[in-house]
Amino acid sequence: MKLLHKILKGASLTTALFVLEACYGVPEDPLYEEGGEAPMYFQLLDKANGNPIAGIHIYVATWDYQGKGNDLGVTGADGLCHINLPYTRNQEGPFIKFEDPNGVYAPKDTTLADLRERKVVVKLEAAE
């Protein structure tokens, strides 16, 4: 009788856990929780020849698209920059701006739709 009681108790616990997971889903990586950060790599390339571009500043603009926003980093000699973007589940991806302080390349901006993309390649055109 005690064995049957233990089996039923175990089955009840398993059923409760199954229902909990079915209702709320599998927990996501805390990296992608509201208020967390999404690590990303950007590589900036010259659109004309495909060469990496060093010294490009990457900004996250404010949600109303006013001003530059926060300076997240600068590309190195290989054109790469590793940054951490704020993750927001219920809004469009962050508004990103790329700017060359020397004015050789035209500024560019974009909105990222999927922050799970780990490496984003951006091609910049020469300024006119």
N, C-alpha and C. Protein backbone atom coordinates (compact mmCIF):
# COMPACT_ATOMS: atom_id res chain seq x y z
N MET A 1 0.82 -1.20 0.00
CA MET A 1 0.00 0.00 0.00
C MET A 1 0.87 1.26 0.00
N LYS A 2 1.98 1.23 0.78
CA LYS A 2 2.87 2.39 0.80
C LYS A 2 3.52 2.61 -0.56
N LEU A 3 3.82 1.51 -1.26
CA LEU A 3 4.42 1.61 -2.59
C LEU A 3 3.45 2.29 -3.56
N LEU A 4 2.19 1.89 -3.52
CA LEU A 4 1.17 2.50 -4.36
C LEU A 4 1.01 3.99 -4.04
N HIS A 5 1.06 4.33 -2.76
CA HIS A 5 0.96 5.72 -2.34
C HIS A 5 2.13 6.55 -2.89
N LYS A 6 3.35 6.02 -2.87
CA LYS A 6 4.53 6.72 -3.39
C LYS A 6 4.43 6.89 -4.90
N ILE A 7 3.93 5.88 -5.59
CA ILE A 7 3.79 5.96 -7.05
C ILE A 7 2.78 7.04 -7.43
N LEU A 8 1.64 7.05 -6.74
CA LEU A 8 0.62 8.07 -7.02
C LEU A 8 1.12 9.47 -6.68
N LYS A 9 1.86 9.59 -5.60
CA LYS A 9 2.42 10.88 -5.21
C LYS A 9 3.40 11.39 -6.28
N GLY A 10 4.26 10.51 -6.78
CA GLY A 10 5.21 10.87 -7.84
C GLY A 10 4.50 11.25 -9.12
N ALA A 11 3.45 10.50 -9.46
CA ALA A 11 2.68 10.79 -10.68
C ALA A 11 1.98 12.14 -10.56
N SER A 12 1.48 12.47 -9.39
CA SER A 12 0.81 13.75 -9.19
C SER A 12 1.78 14.91 -9.35
N LEU A 13 2.98 14.77 -8.80
CA LEU A 13 4.00 15.82 -8.92
C LEU A 13 4.41 15.99 -10.38
N THR A 14 4.60 14.88 -11.08
CA THR A 14 4.97 14.95 -12.49
C THR A 14 3.88 15.63 -13.31
N THR A 15 2.63 15.30 -13.02
CA THR A 15 1.51 15.93 -13.73
C THR A 15 1.46 17.43 -13.46
N ALA A 16 1.69 17.82 -12.22
CA ALA A 16 1.68 19.25 -11.88
C ALA A 16 2.79 19.99 -12.62
N LEU A 17 3.97 19.40 -12.70
CA LEU A 17 5.08 20.04 -13.42
C LEU A 17 4.78 20.12 -14.91
N PHE A 18 4.18 19.08 -15.46
CA PHE A 18 3.82 19.09 -16.87
C PHE A 18 2.83 20.21 -17.18
N VAL A 19 1.82 20.36 -16.34
CA VAL A 19 0.81 21.41 -16.53
C VAL A 19 1.46 22.79 -16.41
N LEU A 20 2.37 22.95 -15.46
CA LEU A 20 3.07 24.23 -15.28
C LEU A 20 3.86 24.58 -16.53
N GLU A 21 4.59 23.61 -17.09
CA GLU A 21 5.38 23.87 -18.29
C GLU A 21 4.47 24.14 -19.48
N ALA A 22 3.36 23.42 -19.58
CA ALA A 22 2.43 23.62 -20.69
C ALA A 22 1.82 25.01 -20.66
N CYS A 23 1.55 25.53 -19.47
CA CYS A 23 0.93 26.84 -19.34
C CYS A 23 1.92 27.98 -19.56
N TYR A 24 3.12 27.84 -19.05
CA TYR A 24 4.08 28.95 -19.06
C TYR A 24 5.24 28.74 -20.01
N GLY A 25 5.37 27.58 -20.61
CA GLY A 25 6.44 27.32 -21.55
C GLY A 25 7.76 27.04 -20.86
N VAL A 26 8.73 26.68 -21.66
CA VAL A 26 10.07 26.41 -21.15
C VAL A 26 10.73 27.75 -20.86
N PRO A 27 11.38 27.90 -19.72
CA PRO A 27 12.03 29.19 -19.41
C PRO A 27 13.08 29.54 -20.46
N GLU A 28 13.09 30.81 -20.87
CA GLU A 28 14.08 31.28 -21.83
C GLU A 28 15.39 31.58 -21.12
N ASP A 29 16.42 31.64 -21.92
CA ASP A 29 17.72 32.02 -21.42
C ASP A 29 17.59 33.41 -20.78
N PRO A 30 18.10 33.63 -19.55
CA PRO A 30 17.95 34.94 -18.91
C PRO A 30 18.55 36.07 -19.72
N LEU A 31 19.41 35.73 -20.67
CA LEU A 31 19.98 36.73 -21.54
C LEU A 31 18.89 37.50 -22.29
N TYR A 32 17.80 36.81 -22.60
CA TYR A 32 16.74 37.42 -23.38
C TYR A 32 15.53 37.80 -22.55
N GLU A 33 15.70 38.01 -21.27
CA GLU A 33 14.60 38.49 -20.44
C GLU A 33 14.49 40.00 -20.59
N GLU A 34 13.30 40.51 -20.33
CA GLU A 34 13.07 41.96 -20.40
C GLU A 34 14.09 42.67 -19.52
N GLY A 35 14.73 43.67 -20.05
CA GLY A 35 15.73 44.42 -19.30
C GLY A 35 17.12 43.81 -19.38
N GLY A 36 17.25 42.65 -20.01
CA GLY A 36 18.55 42.01 -20.17
C GLY A 36 19.29 42.59 -21.35
N GLU A 37 20.35 41.91 -21.74
CA GLU A 37 21.14 42.38 -22.87
C GLU A 37 21.34 41.27 -23.88
N ALA A 38 21.47 41.66 -25.12
CA ALA A 38 21.74 40.72 -26.20
C ALA A 38 23.12 41.04 -26.76
N PRO A 39 24.10 40.17 -26.54
CA PRO A 39 25.44 40.43 -27.09
C PRO A 39 25.43 40.22 -28.60
N MET A 40 26.03 41.16 -29.33
CA MET A 40 26.05 41.08 -30.79
C MET A 40 27.40 41.54 -31.32
N TYR A 41 27.69 41.08 -32.52
CA TYR A 41 28.88 41.52 -33.24
C TYR A 41 28.43 42.23 -34.50
N PHE A 42 28.98 43.40 -34.73
CA PHE A 42 28.75 44.10 -35.98
C PHE A 42 30.06 44.12 -36.73
N GLN A 43 29.99 43.93 -38.05
CA GLN A 43 31.16 44.12 -38.89
C GLN A 43 30.78 45.14 -39.95
N LEU A 44 31.57 46.20 -40.02
CA LEU A 44 31.33 47.27 -40.98
C LEU A 44 32.28 47.11 -42.15
N LEU A 45 31.71 47.06 -43.36
CA LEU A 45 32.49 46.87 -44.58
C LEU A 45 32.22 47.99 -45.56
N ASP A 46 33.22 48.29 -46.38
CA ASP A 46 33.07 49.26 -47.46
C ASP A 46 32.21 48.62 -48.53
N LYS A 47 31.13 49.28 -48.92
CA LYS A 47 30.21 48.71 -49.90
C LYS A 47 30.86 48.52 -51.26
N ALA A 48 31.79 49.40 -51.62
CA ALA A 48 32.42 49.35 -52.94
C ALA A 48 33.40 48.19 -53.09
N ASN A 49 34.22 47.95 -52.04
CA ASN A 49 35.27 46.94 -52.20
C ASN A 49 35.23 45.81 -51.16
N GLY A 50 34.35 45.90 -50.18
CA GLY A 50 34.22 44.83 -49.19
C GLY A 50 35.27 44.83 -48.10
N ASN A 51 36.13 45.84 -48.07
CA ASN A 51 37.18 45.91 -47.03
C ASN A 51 36.57 46.33 -45.70
N PRO A 52 37.12 45.81 -44.58
CA PRO A 52 36.63 46.23 -43.26
C PRO A 52 36.94 47.70 -43.00
N ILE A 53 36.07 48.35 -42.23
CA ILE A 53 36.25 49.77 -41.92
C ILE A 53 36.47 49.92 -40.42
N ALA A 54 37.58 50.54 -40.07
CA ALA A 54 37.89 50.81 -38.66
C ALA A 54 37.40 52.20 -38.27
N GLY A 55 37.13 52.37 -36.98
CA GLY A 55 36.82 53.69 -36.44
C GLY A 55 35.38 54.15 -36.59
N ILE A 56 34.47 53.26 -36.95
CA ILE A 56 33.06 53.63 -37.08
C ILE A 56 32.39 53.50 -35.71
N HIS A 57 31.70 54.55 -35.28
CA HIS A 57 31.01 54.53 -34.00
C HIS A 57 29.61 53.93 -34.17
N ILE A 58 29.21 53.12 -33.19
CA ILE A 58 27.89 52.50 -33.20
C ILE A 58 27.09 53.07 -32.04
N TYR A 59 25.92 53.59 -32.36
CA TYR A 59 25.05 54.22 -31.36
C TYR A 59 23.71 53.50 -31.32
N VAL A 60 23.11 53.46 -30.15
CA VAL A 60 21.71 53.06 -30.02
C VAL A 60 20.94 54.34 -29.78
N ALA A 61 20.07 54.66 -30.73
CA ALA A 61 19.31 55.91 -30.64
C ALA A 61 18.14 55.74 -29.69
N THR A 62 17.61 56.86 -29.27
CA THR A 62 16.43 56.85 -28.41
C THR A 62 15.23 56.37 -29.21
N TRP A 63 14.19 55.91 -28.51
CA TRP A 63 13.04 55.34 -29.18
C TRP A 63 12.29 56.36 -30.03
N ASP A 64 12.42 57.64 -29.74
CA ASP A 64 11.74 58.64 -30.57
C ASP A 64 12.64 59.12 -31.72
N TYR A 65 13.77 58.44 -31.90
CA TYR A 65 14.70 58.70 -33.00
C TYR A 65 15.32 60.09 -32.96
N GLN A 66 15.38 60.68 -31.79
CA GLN A 66 15.98 62.01 -31.65
C GLN A 66 17.39 61.84 -31.09
N GLY A 67 18.34 62.49 -31.69
CA GLY A 67 19.71 62.44 -31.20
C GLY A 67 20.40 61.13 -31.53
N LYS A 68 21.66 61.04 -31.17
CA LYS A 68 22.46 59.85 -31.47
C LYS A 68 22.16 58.70 -30.53
N GLY A 69 21.91 58.98 -29.28
CA GLY A 69 21.75 57.91 -28.31
C GLY A 69 23.07 57.55 -27.67
N ASN A 70 23.14 56.36 -27.10
CA ASN A 70 24.35 55.92 -26.40
C ASN A 70 25.38 55.37 -27.36
N ASP A 71 26.64 55.78 -27.17
CA ASP A 71 27.75 55.27 -27.96
C ASP A 71 28.12 53.90 -27.39
N LEU A 72 27.92 52.85 -28.17
CA LEU A 72 28.16 51.50 -27.69
C LEU A 72 29.55 50.97 -28.00
N GLY A 73 30.20 51.53 -28.99
CA GLY A 73 31.52 51.05 -29.33
C GLY A 73 32.01 51.56 -30.66
N VAL A 74 33.25 51.19 -30.97
CA VAL A 74 33.91 51.62 -32.20
C VAL A 74 34.50 50.37 -32.86
N THR A 75 34.40 50.30 -34.18
CA THR A 75 34.95 49.15 -34.89
C THR A 75 36.47 49.18 -34.86
N GLY A 76 37.06 48.00 -34.79
CA GLY A 76 38.52 47.86 -34.81
C GLY A 76 39.03 47.75 -36.23
N ALA A 77 40.31 47.39 -36.38
CA ALA A 77 40.95 47.29 -37.69
C ALA A 77 40.28 46.25 -38.58
N ASP A 78 39.67 45.23 -37.97
CA ASP A 78 38.98 44.19 -38.73
C ASP A 78 37.53 44.55 -39.03
N GLY A 79 37.12 45.77 -38.66
CA GLY A 79 35.75 46.22 -38.89
C GLY A 79 34.74 45.67 -37.90
N LEU A 80 35.22 44.90 -36.90
CA LEU A 80 34.33 44.28 -35.92
C LEU A 80 34.16 45.11 -34.66
N CYS A 81 32.98 45.02 -34.09
CA CYS A 81 32.71 45.65 -32.80
C CYS A 81 31.73 44.76 -32.05
N HIS A 82 32.06 44.39 -30.83
CA HIS A 82 31.18 43.59 -29.98
C HIS A 82 30.47 44.54 -29.04
N ILE A 83 29.14 44.47 -29.03
CA ILE A 83 28.35 45.34 -28.17
C ILE A 83 27.26 44.53 -27.48
N ASN A 84 26.70 45.09 -26.43
CA ASN A 84 25.55 44.51 -25.74
C ASN A 84 24.37 45.44 -25.91
N LEU A 85 23.35 44.96 -26.61
CA LEU A 85 22.16 45.76 -26.85
C LEU A 85 21.10 45.44 -25.81
N PRO A 86 20.34 46.45 -25.38
CA PRO A 86 19.24 46.17 -24.47
C PRO A 86 18.17 45.34 -25.17
N TYR A 87 17.68 44.31 -24.50
CA TYR A 87 16.67 43.44 -25.09
C TYR A 87 15.29 43.87 -24.62
N THR A 88 14.40 44.10 -25.56
CA THR A 88 13.01 44.43 -25.23
C THR A 88 12.11 43.52 -26.04
N ARG A 89 11.31 42.73 -25.36
CA ARG A 89 10.47 41.73 -26.01
C ARG A 89 9.32 42.36 -26.78
N ASN A 90 8.74 43.41 -26.29
CA ASN A 90 7.49 43.92 -26.85
C ASN A 90 7.65 45.13 -27.76
N GLN A 91 8.88 45.48 -28.08
CA GLN A 91 9.09 46.61 -28.97
C GLN A 91 9.92 46.17 -30.15
N GLU A 92 9.86 46.97 -31.19
CA GLU A 92 10.69 46.74 -32.35
C GLU A 92 12.14 46.80 -31.90
N GLY A 93 13.01 46.09 -32.59
CA GLY A 93 14.42 46.08 -32.22
C GLY A 93 15.00 47.47 -32.13
N PRO A 94 16.12 47.62 -31.48
CA PRO A 94 16.68 48.96 -31.27
C PRO A 94 17.05 49.66 -32.57
N PHE A 95 17.01 50.96 -32.53
CA PHE A 95 17.37 51.82 -33.65
C PHE A 95 18.87 52.06 -33.55
N ILE A 96 19.64 51.53 -34.50
CA ILE A 96 21.10 51.57 -34.47
C ILE A 96 21.59 52.58 -35.51
N LYS A 97 22.57 53.39 -35.12
CA LYS A 97 23.19 54.34 -36.04
C LYS A 97 24.68 54.03 -36.15
N PHE A 98 25.21 54.15 -37.35
CA PHE A 98 26.63 53.96 -37.62
C PHE A 98 27.16 55.28 -38.16
N GLU A 99 28.22 55.79 -37.57
CA GLU A 99 28.71 57.11 -37.96
C GLU A 99 30.24 57.12 -38.01
N ASP A 100 30.76 57.67 -39.09
CA ASP A 100 32.21 57.83 -39.26
C ASP A 100 32.57 59.24 -38.80
N PRO A 101 33.35 59.38 -37.71
CA PRO A 101 33.70 60.72 -37.23
C PRO A 101 34.56 61.51 -38.21
N ASN A 102 35.22 60.81 -39.15
CA ASN A 102 36.07 61.48 -40.14
C ASN A 102 35.29 61.92 -41.37
N GLY A 103 34.03 61.48 -41.49
CA GLY A 103 33.20 61.88 -42.61
C GLY A 103 33.51 61.19 -43.93
N VAL A 104 34.35 60.15 -43.93
CA VAL A 104 34.67 59.44 -45.16
C VAL A 104 33.47 58.63 -45.64
N TYR A 105 32.74 58.05 -44.69
CA TYR A 105 31.57 57.23 -45.01
C TYR A 105 30.29 57.94 -44.56
N ALA A 106 29.25 57.78 -45.35
CA ALA A 106 27.96 58.38 -45.03
C ALA A 106 27.36 57.68 -43.81
N PRO A 107 26.72 58.42 -42.92
CA PRO A 107 26.05 57.79 -41.77
C PRO A 107 24.96 56.83 -42.25
N LYS A 108 24.72 55.81 -41.46
CA LYS A 108 23.69 54.84 -41.80
C LYS A 108 22.94 54.47 -40.54
N ASP A 109 21.66 54.19 -40.67
CA ASP A 109 20.89 53.73 -39.52
C ASP A 109 20.00 52.57 -39.93
N THR A 110 19.62 51.79 -38.94
CA THR A 110 18.79 50.62 -39.19
C THR A 110 18.05 50.24 -37.91
N THR A 111 17.01 49.47 -38.06
CA THR A 111 16.31 48.90 -36.92
C THR A 111 16.50 47.39 -36.99
N LEU A 112 16.97 46.80 -35.92
CA LEU A 112 17.17 45.36 -35.90
C LEU A 112 15.88 44.66 -35.51
N ALA A 113 15.43 43.75 -36.34
CA ALA A 113 14.19 43.05 -36.07
C ALA A 113 14.41 41.85 -35.16
N ASP A 114 15.56 41.20 -35.26
CA ASP A 114 15.79 39.99 -34.50
C ASP A 114 17.12 40.08 -33.76
N LEU A 115 17.03 40.22 -32.44
CA LEU A 115 18.26 40.33 -31.65
C LEU A 115 18.95 39.00 -31.43
N ARG A 116 18.38 37.93 -31.94
CA ARG A 116 19.05 36.63 -31.80
C ARG A 116 20.08 36.42 -32.90
N GLU A 117 20.07 37.28 -33.90
CA GLU A 117 21.12 37.23 -34.92
C GLU A 117 22.40 37.69 -34.25
N ARG A 118 23.43 36.89 -34.28
CA ARG A 118 24.64 37.16 -33.50
C ARG A 118 25.66 38.03 -34.22
N LYS A 119 25.73 37.96 -35.54
CA LYS A 119 26.70 38.77 -36.25
C LYS A 119 26.00 39.46 -37.41
N VAL A 120 26.05 40.77 -37.39
CA VAL A 120 25.38 41.56 -38.41
C VAL A 120 26.46 42.27 -39.23
N VAL A 121 26.39 42.10 -40.54
CA VAL A 121 27.33 42.77 -41.44
C VAL A 121 26.61 43.97 -42.05
N VAL A 122 27.26 45.14 -41.93
CA VAL A 122 26.69 46.38 -42.46
C VAL A 122 27.68 46.95 -43.47
N LYS A 123 27.16 47.31 -44.65
CA LYS A 123 28.02 47.89 -45.69
C LYS A 123 27.73 49.38 -45.78
N LEU A 124 28.80 50.16 -45.66
CA LEU A 124 28.68 51.62 -45.72
C LEU A 124 29.15 52.15 -47.06
N GLU A 125 28.47 53.19 -47.52
CA GLU A 125 28.85 53.86 -48.76
C GLU A 125 29.70 55.07 -48.45
N ALA A 126 30.57 55.44 -49.39
CA ALA A 126 31.39 56.63 -49.23
C ALA A 126 30.51 57.87 -49.20
N ALA A 127 30.89 58.85 -48.39
CA ALA A 127 30.15 60.11 -48.32
C ALA A 127 30.35 60.88 -49.63
N GLU A 128 29.35 61.64 -49.97
CA GLU A 128 29.45 62.43 -51.22
C GLU A 128 30.04 63.78 -50.97
